[in-house]
Amino acid sequence: DTFKNSPNEEPAWDRFGRCIAFEG
């Protein structure tokens, strides 16, 4: 995936775990 002016947000991952992995 490509991102332009679209930051990702995954809050509190240390409490709830990582929900998405980014590859390439």
PDB file of all heavy atoms in Angstrom:
ATOM      1  N   ASP A   1       0.843  -1.191   0.000  1.00  0.00           N
ATOM      2  CA  ASP A   1       0.000   0.000   0.000  1.00  0.00           C
ATOM      3  C   ASP A   1       0.886   1.252   0.000  1.00  0.00           C
ATOM      4  O   ASP A   1       2.005   1.248   0.514  1.00  0.00           O
ATOM      5  CB  ASP A   1      -0.899   0.033   1.238  1.00  0.00           C
ATOM      6  CG  ASP A   1      -1.988  -1.023   1.217  1.00  0.00           C
ATOM      7  OD1 ASP A   1      -2.371  -1.458   0.113  1.00  0.00           O
ATOM      8  OD2 ASP A   1      -2.459  -1.411   2.305  1.00  0.00           O
ATOM      9  N   THR A   2       0.382   2.347  -0.579  1.00  0.00           N
ATOM     10  CA  THR A   2       1.096   3.614  -0.555  1.00  0.00           C
ATOM     11  C   THR A   2       0.266   4.656   0.187  1.00  0.00           C
ATOM     12  O   THR A   2      -0.968   4.635   0.136  1.00  0.00           O
ATOM     13  CB  THR A   2       1.398   4.121  -1.982  1.00  0.00           C
ATOM     14  OG1 THR A   2       0.177   4.267  -2.718  1.00  0.00           O
ATOM     15  CG2 THR A   2       2.306   3.139  -2.709  1.00  0.00           C
ATOM     16  N   PHE A   3       0.965   5.563   0.868  1.00  0.00           N
ATOM     17  CA  PHE A   3       0.306   6.541   1.724  1.00  0.00           C
ATOM     18  C   PHE A   3       0.849   7.937   1.420  1.00  0.00           C
ATOM     19  O   PHE A   3       2.056   8.159   1.427  1.00  0.00           O
ATOM     20  CB  PHE A   3       0.555   6.216   3.202  1.00  0.00           C
ATOM     21  CG  PHE A   3       0.077   4.845   3.609  1.00  0.00           C
ATOM     22  CD1 PHE A   3       0.918   3.744   3.506  1.00  0.00           C
ATOM     23  CD2 PHE A   3      -1.212   4.655   4.066  1.00  0.00           C
ATOM     24  CE1 PHE A   3       0.480   2.482   3.862  1.00  0.00           C
ATOM     25  CE2 PHE A   3      -1.657   3.391   4.434  1.00  0.00           C
ATOM     26  CZ  PHE A   3      -0.811   2.303   4.325  1.00  0.00           C
ATOM     27  N   LYS A   4      -0.055   8.857   1.134  1.00  0.00           N
ATOM     28  CA  LYS A   4       0.304  10.259   0.939  1.00  0.00           C
ATOM     29  C   LYS A   4      -0.609  11.102   1.811  1.00  0.00           C
ATOM     30  O   LYS A   4      -1.833  11.090   1.645  1.00  0.00           O
ATOM     31  CB  LYS A   4       0.136  10.649  -0.532  1.00  0.00           C
ATOM     32  CG  LYS A   4       0.534  12.088  -0.823  1.00  0.00           C
ATOM     33  CD  LYS A   4       0.421  12.390  -2.310  1.00  0.00           C
ATOM     34  CE  LYS A   4       0.862  13.821  -2.616  1.00  0.00           C
ATOM     35  NZ  LYS A   4       0.734  14.119  -4.073  1.00  0.00           N
ATOM     36  N   ASN A   5      -0.019  11.784   2.763  1.00  0.00           N
ATOM     37  CA  ASN A   5      -0.789  12.598   3.709  1.00  0.00           C
ATOM     38  C   ASN A   5      -1.926  11.795   4.333  1.00  0.00           C
ATOM     39  O   ASN A   5      -3.056  12.280   4.463  1.00  0.00           O
ATOM     40  CB  ASN A   5      -1.342  13.846   3.017  1.00  0.00           C
ATOM     41  CG  ASN A   5      -0.249  14.806   2.580  1.00  0.00           C
ATOM     42  OD1 ASN A   5       0.803  14.867   3.209  1.00  0.00           O
ATOM     43  ND2 ASN A   5      -0.492  15.539   1.504  1.00  0.00           N
ATOM     44  N   SER A   6      -1.625  10.575   4.715  1.00  0.00           N
ATOM     45  CA  SER A   6      -2.609   9.668   5.325  1.00  0.00           C
ATOM     46  C   SER A   6      -1.905   8.837   6.399  1.00  0.00           C
ATOM     47  O   SER A   6      -1.640   7.651   6.208  1.00  0.00           O
ATOM     48  CB  SER A   6      -3.243   8.758   4.263  1.00  0.00           C
ATOM     49  OG  SER A   6      -3.939   9.490   3.285  1.00  0.00           O
ATOM     50  N   PRO A   7      -1.575   9.435   7.547  1.00  0.00           N
ATOM     51  CA  PRO A   7      -0.850   8.695   8.580  1.00  0.00           C
ATOM     52  C   PRO A   7      -1.713   7.612   9.204  1.00  0.00           C
ATOM     53  O   PRO A   7      -2.923   7.761   9.345  1.00  0.00           O
ATOM     54  CB  PRO A   7      -0.506   9.782   9.606  1.00  0.00           C
ATOM     55  CG  PRO A   7      -1.592  10.808   9.436  1.00  0.00           C
ATOM     56  CD  PRO A   7      -1.894  10.811   7.963  1.00  0.00           C
ATOM     57  N   ASN A   8      -1.076   6.494   9.563  1.00  0.00           N
ATOM     58  CA  ASN A   8      -1.799   5.390  10.201  1.00  0.00           C
ATOM     59  C   ASN A   8      -1.882   5.619  11.705  1.00  0.00           C
ATOM     60  O   ASN A   8      -0.977   6.199  12.311  1.00  0.00           O
ATOM     61  CB  ASN A   8      -1.102   4.066   9.895  1.00  0.00           C
ATOM     62  CG  ASN A   8      -1.087   3.772   8.411  1.00  0.00           C
ATOM     63  OD1 ASN A   8      -2.117   3.838   7.757  1.00  0.00           O
ATOM     64  ND2 ASN A   8       0.083   3.464   7.866  1.00  0.00           N
ATOM     65  N   GLU A   9      -2.968   5.134  12.311  1.00  0.00           N
ATOM     66  CA  GLU A   9      -3.163   5.297  13.754  1.00  0.00           C
ATOM     67  C   GLU A   9      -3.586   3.973  14.369  1.00  0.00           C
ATOM     68  O   GLU A   9      -4.634   3.419  14.019  1.00  0.00           O
ATOM     69  CB  GLU A   9      -4.225   6.362  14.039  1.00  0.00           C
ATOM     70  CG  GLU A   9      -4.407   6.597  15.543  1.00  0.00           C
ATOM     71  CD  GLU A   9      -5.522   7.577  15.868  1.00  0.00           C
ATOM     72  OE1 GLU A   9      -6.680   7.288  15.526  1.00  0.00           O
ATOM     73  OE2 GLU A   9      -5.219   8.628  16.467  1.00  0.00           O
ATOM     74  N   GLU A  10      -2.746   3.472  15.271  1.00  0.00           N
ATOM     75  CA  GLU A  10      -3.065   2.247  16.015  1.00  0.00           C
ATOM     76  C   GLU A  10      -2.765   2.506  17.486  1.00  0.00           C
ATOM     77  O   GLU A  10      -1.693   2.168  17.992  1.00  0.00           O
ATOM     78  CB  GLU A  10      -2.255   1.064  15.488  1.00  0.00           C
ATOM     79  CG  GLU A  10      -2.668  -0.255  16.109  1.00  0.00           C
ATOM     80  CD  GLU A  10      -2.015  -1.451  15.431  1.00  0.00           C
ATOM     81  OE1 GLU A  10      -1.142  -1.261  14.573  1.00  0.00           O
ATOM     82  OE2 GLU A  10      -2.389  -2.593  15.792  1.00  0.00           O
ATOM     83  N   PRO A  11      -3.706   3.117  18.203  1.00  0.00           N
ATOM     84  CA  PRO A  11      -3.431   3.505  19.586  1.00  0.00           C
ATOM     85  C   PRO A  11      -3.423   2.310  20.531  1.00  0.00           C
ATOM     86  O   PRO A  11      -4.075   1.295  20.291  1.00  0.00           O
ATOM     87  CB  PRO A  11      -4.593   4.448  19.913  1.00  0.00           C
ATOM     88  CG  PRO A  11      -5.703   3.976  19.036  1.00  0.00           C
ATOM     89  CD  PRO A  11      -5.048   3.489  17.773  1.00  0.00           C
ATOM     90  N   ALA A  12      -2.662   2.465  21.607  1.00  0.00           N
ATOM     91  CA  ALA A  12      -2.646   1.494  22.710  1.00  0.00           C
ATOM     92  C   ALA A  12      -2.355   0.081  22.236  1.00  0.00           C
ATOM     93  O   ALA A  12      -2.884  -0.889  22.774  1.00  0.00           O
ATOM     94  CB  ALA A  12      -3.979   1.552  23.472  1.00  0.00           C
ATOM     95  N   TRP A  13      -1.459  -0.072  21.244  1.00  0.00           N
ATOM     96  CA  TRP A  13      -1.145  -1.416  20.763  1.00  0.00           C
ATOM     97  C   TRP A  13      -0.481  -2.256  21.836  1.00  0.00           C
ATOM     98  O   TRP A  13      -0.605  -3.490  21.844  1.00  0.00           O
ATOM     99  CB  TRP A  13      -0.261  -1.341  19.513  1.00  0.00           C
ATOM    100  CG  TRP A  13       1.086  -0.710  19.749  1.00  0.00           C
ATOM    101  CD1 TRP A  13       1.431   0.585  19.566  1.00  0.00           C
ATOM    102  CD2 TRP A  13       2.257  -1.375  20.236  1.00  0.00           C
ATOM    103  NE1 TRP A  13       2.744   0.796  19.897  1.00  0.00           N
ATOM    104  CE2 TRP A  13       3.280  -0.404  20.319  1.00  0.00           C
ATOM    105  CE3 TRP A  13       2.557  -2.681  20.616  1.00  0.00           C
ATOM    106  CZ2 TRP A  13       4.573  -0.687  20.758  1.00  0.00           C
ATOM    107  CZ3 TRP A  13       3.840  -2.977  21.052  1.00  0.00           C
ATOM    108  CH2 TRP A  13       4.831  -1.992  21.115  1.00  0.00           C
ATOM    109  N   ASP A  14       0.235  -1.611  22.777  1.00  0.00           N
ATOM    110  CA  ASP A  14       0.874  -2.373  23.851  1.00  0.00           C
ATOM    111  C   ASP A  14      -0.155  -3.013  24.777  1.00  0.00           C
ATOM    112  O   ASP A  14       0.105  -4.056  25.399  1.00  0.00           O
ATOM    113  CB  ASP A  14       1.813  -1.483  24.651  1.00  0.00           C
ATOM    114  CG  ASP A  14       1.144  -0.208  25.147  1.00  0.00           C
ATOM    115  OD1 ASP A  14       0.097   0.171  24.581  1.00  0.00           O
ATOM    116  OD2 ASP A  14       1.670   0.407  26.091  1.00  0.00           O
ATOM    117  N   ARG A  15      -1.368  -2.440  24.821  1.00  0.00           N
ATOM    118  CA  ARG A  15      -2.441  -3.008  25.644  1.00  0.00           C
ATOM    119  C   ARG A  15      -3.290  -3.994  24.864  1.00  0.00           C
ATOM    120  O   ARG A  15      -3.702  -5.029  25.399  1.00  0.00           O
ATOM    121  CB  ARG A  15      -3.321  -1.878  26.190  1.00  0.00           C
ATOM    122  CG  ARG A  15      -4.529  -2.366  26.972  1.00  0.00           C
ATOM    123  CD  ARG A  15      -5.375  -1.212  27.466  1.00  0.00           C
ATOM    124  NE  ARG A  15      -6.642  -1.686  28.027  1.00  0.00           N
ATOM    125  CZ  ARG A  15      -7.640  -0.885  28.411  1.00  0.00           C
ATOM    126  NH1 ARG A  15      -7.507   0.442  28.310  1.00  0.00           N
ATOM    127  NH2 ARG A  15      -8.756  -1.391  28.901  1.00  0.00           N
ATOM    128  N   PHE A  16      -3.570  -3.684  23.598  1.00  0.00           N
ATOM    129  CA  PHE A  16      -4.524  -4.472  22.822  1.00  0.00           C
ATOM    130  C   PHE A  16      -3.881  -5.328  21.737  1.00  0.00           C
ATOM    131  O   PHE A  16      -4.580  -6.101  21.072  1.00  0.00           O
ATOM    132  CB  PHE A  16      -5.557  -3.543  22.167  1.00  0.00           C
ATOM    133  CG  PHE A  16      -6.422  -2.821  23.154  1.00  0.00           C
ATOM    134  CD1 PHE A  16      -6.394  -1.438  23.239  1.00  0.00           C
ATOM    135  CD2 PHE A  16      -7.268  -3.513  24.008  1.00  0.00           C
ATOM    136  CE1 PHE A  16      -7.198  -0.759  24.150  1.00  0.00           C
ATOM    137  CE2 PHE A  16      -8.074  -2.860  24.909  1.00  0.00           C
ATOM    138  CZ  PHE A  16      -8.038  -1.469  24.985  1.00  0.00           C
ATOM    139  N   GLY A  17      -2.586  -5.211  21.535  1.00  0.00           N
ATOM    140  CA  GLY A  17      -1.910  -5.989  20.505  1.00  0.00           C
ATOM    141  C   GLY A  17      -1.898  -5.273  19.162  1.00  0.00           C
ATOM    142  O   GLY A  17      -2.683  -4.367  18.905  1.00  0.00           O
ATOM    143  N   ARG A  18      -0.959  -5.709  18.320  1.00  0.00           N
ATOM    144  CA  ARG A  18      -0.889  -5.165  16.968  1.00  0.00           C
ATOM    145  C   ARG A  18      -1.979  -5.804  16.103  1.00  0.00           C
ATOM    146  O   ARG A  18      -2.140  -7.020  16.079  1.00  0.00           O
ATOM    147  CB  ARG A  18       0.469  -5.453  16.349  1.00  0.00           C
ATOM    148  CG  ARG A  18       1.615  -4.683  16.978  1.00  0.00           C
ATOM    149  CD  ARG A  18       1.597  -3.227  16.557  1.00  0.00           C
ATOM    150  NE  ARG A  18       2.810  -2.540  16.964  1.00  0.00           N
ATOM    151  CZ  ARG A  18       3.001  -1.241  16.878  1.00  0.00           C
ATOM    152  NH1 ARG A  18       2.021  -0.466  16.414  1.00  0.00           N
ATOM    153  NH2 ARG A  18       4.131  -0.688  17.259  1.00  0.00           N
ATOM    154  N   CYS A  19      -2.720  -4.960  15.372  1.00  0.00           N
ATOM    155  CA  CYS A  19      -3.852  -5.457  14.586  1.00  0.00           C
ATOM    156  C   CYS A  19      -3.577  -5.486  13.094  1.00  0.00           C
ATOM    157  O   CYS A  19      -4.365  -6.063  12.337  1.00  0.00           O
ATOM    158  CB  CYS A  19      -5.085  -4.614  14.858  1.00  0.00           C
ATOM    159  SG  CYS A  19      -5.722  -4.795  16.550  1.00  0.00           S
ATOM    160  N   ILE A  20      -2.490  -4.863  12.647  1.00  0.00           N
ATOM    161  CA  ILE A  20      -2.162  -4.885  11.224  1.00  0.00           C
ATOM    162  C   ILE A  20      -0.651  -4.861  11.054  1.00  0.00           C
ATOM    163  O   ILE A  20       0.061  -4.158  11.783  1.00  0.00           O
ATOM    164  CB  ILE A  20      -2.840  -3.722  10.462  1.00  0.00           C
ATOM    165  CG1 ILE A  20      -2.668  -3.875   8.956  1.00  0.00           C
ATOM    166  CG2 ILE A  20      -2.367  -2.366  10.976  1.00  0.00           C
ATOM    167  CD1 ILE A  20      -3.574  -2.963   8.134  1.00  0.00           C
ATOM    168  N   ALA A  21      -0.153  -5.654  10.121  1.00  0.00           N
ATOM    169  CA  ALA A  21       1.265  -5.681   9.775  1.00  0.00           C
ATOM    170  C   ALA A  21       1.446  -5.015   8.424  1.00  0.00           C
ATOM    171  O   ALA A  21       0.635  -5.170   7.512  1.00  0.00           O
ATOM    172  CB  ALA A  21       1.768  -7.126   9.712  1.00  0.00           C
ATOM    173  N   PHE A  22       2.555  -4.283   8.282  1.00  0.00           N
ATOM    174  CA  PHE A  22       2.840  -3.569   7.043  1.00  0.00           C
ATOM    175  C   PHE A  22       4.037  -4.220   6.364  1.00  0.00           C
ATOM    176  O   PHE A  22       5.111  -4.327   6.949  1.00  0.00           O
ATOM    177  CB  PHE A  22       3.108  -2.097   7.327  1.00  0.00           C
ATOM    178  CG  PHE A  22       1.903  -1.360   7.850  1.00  0.00           C
ATOM    179  CD1 PHE A  22       1.665  -1.249   9.218  1.00  0.00           C
ATOM    180  CD2 PHE A  22       0.992  -0.814   6.969  1.00  0.00           C
ATOM    181  CE1 PHE A  22       0.550  -0.592   9.692  1.00  0.00           C
ATOM    182  CE2 PHE A  22      -0.147  -0.145   7.445  1.00  0.00           C
ATOM    183  CZ  PHE A  22      -0.357  -0.034   8.800  1.00  0.00           C
ATOM    184  N   GLU A  23       3.824  -4.641   5.117  1.00  0.00           N
ATOM    185  CA  GLU A  23       4.865  -5.285   4.347  1.00  0.00           C
ATOM    186  C   GLU A  23       5.055  -4.536   3.030  1.00  0.00           C
ATOM    187  O   GLU A  23       4.173  -4.539   2.181  1.00  0.00           O
ATOM    188  CB  GLU A  23       4.500  -6.744   4.061  1.00  0.00           C
ATOM    189  CG  GLU A  23       4.308  -7.583   5.314  1.00  0.00           C
ATOM    190  CD  GLU A  23       3.864  -9.012   5.018  1.00  0.00           C
ATOM    191  OE1 GLU A  23       3.724  -9.333   3.818  1.00  0.00           O
ATOM    192  OE2 GLU A  23       3.641  -9.755   5.979  1.00  0.00           O
ATOM    193  N   GLY A  24       6.170  -3.859   2.890  1.00  0.00           N
ATOM    194  CA  GLY A  24       6.466  -3.160   1.650  1.00  0.00           C
ATOM    195  C   GLY A  24       5.622  -1.945   1.390  1.00  0.00           C
ATOM    196  O   GLY A  24       5.471  -1.511   0.232  1.00  0.00           O
TER     197      GLY A  24
END
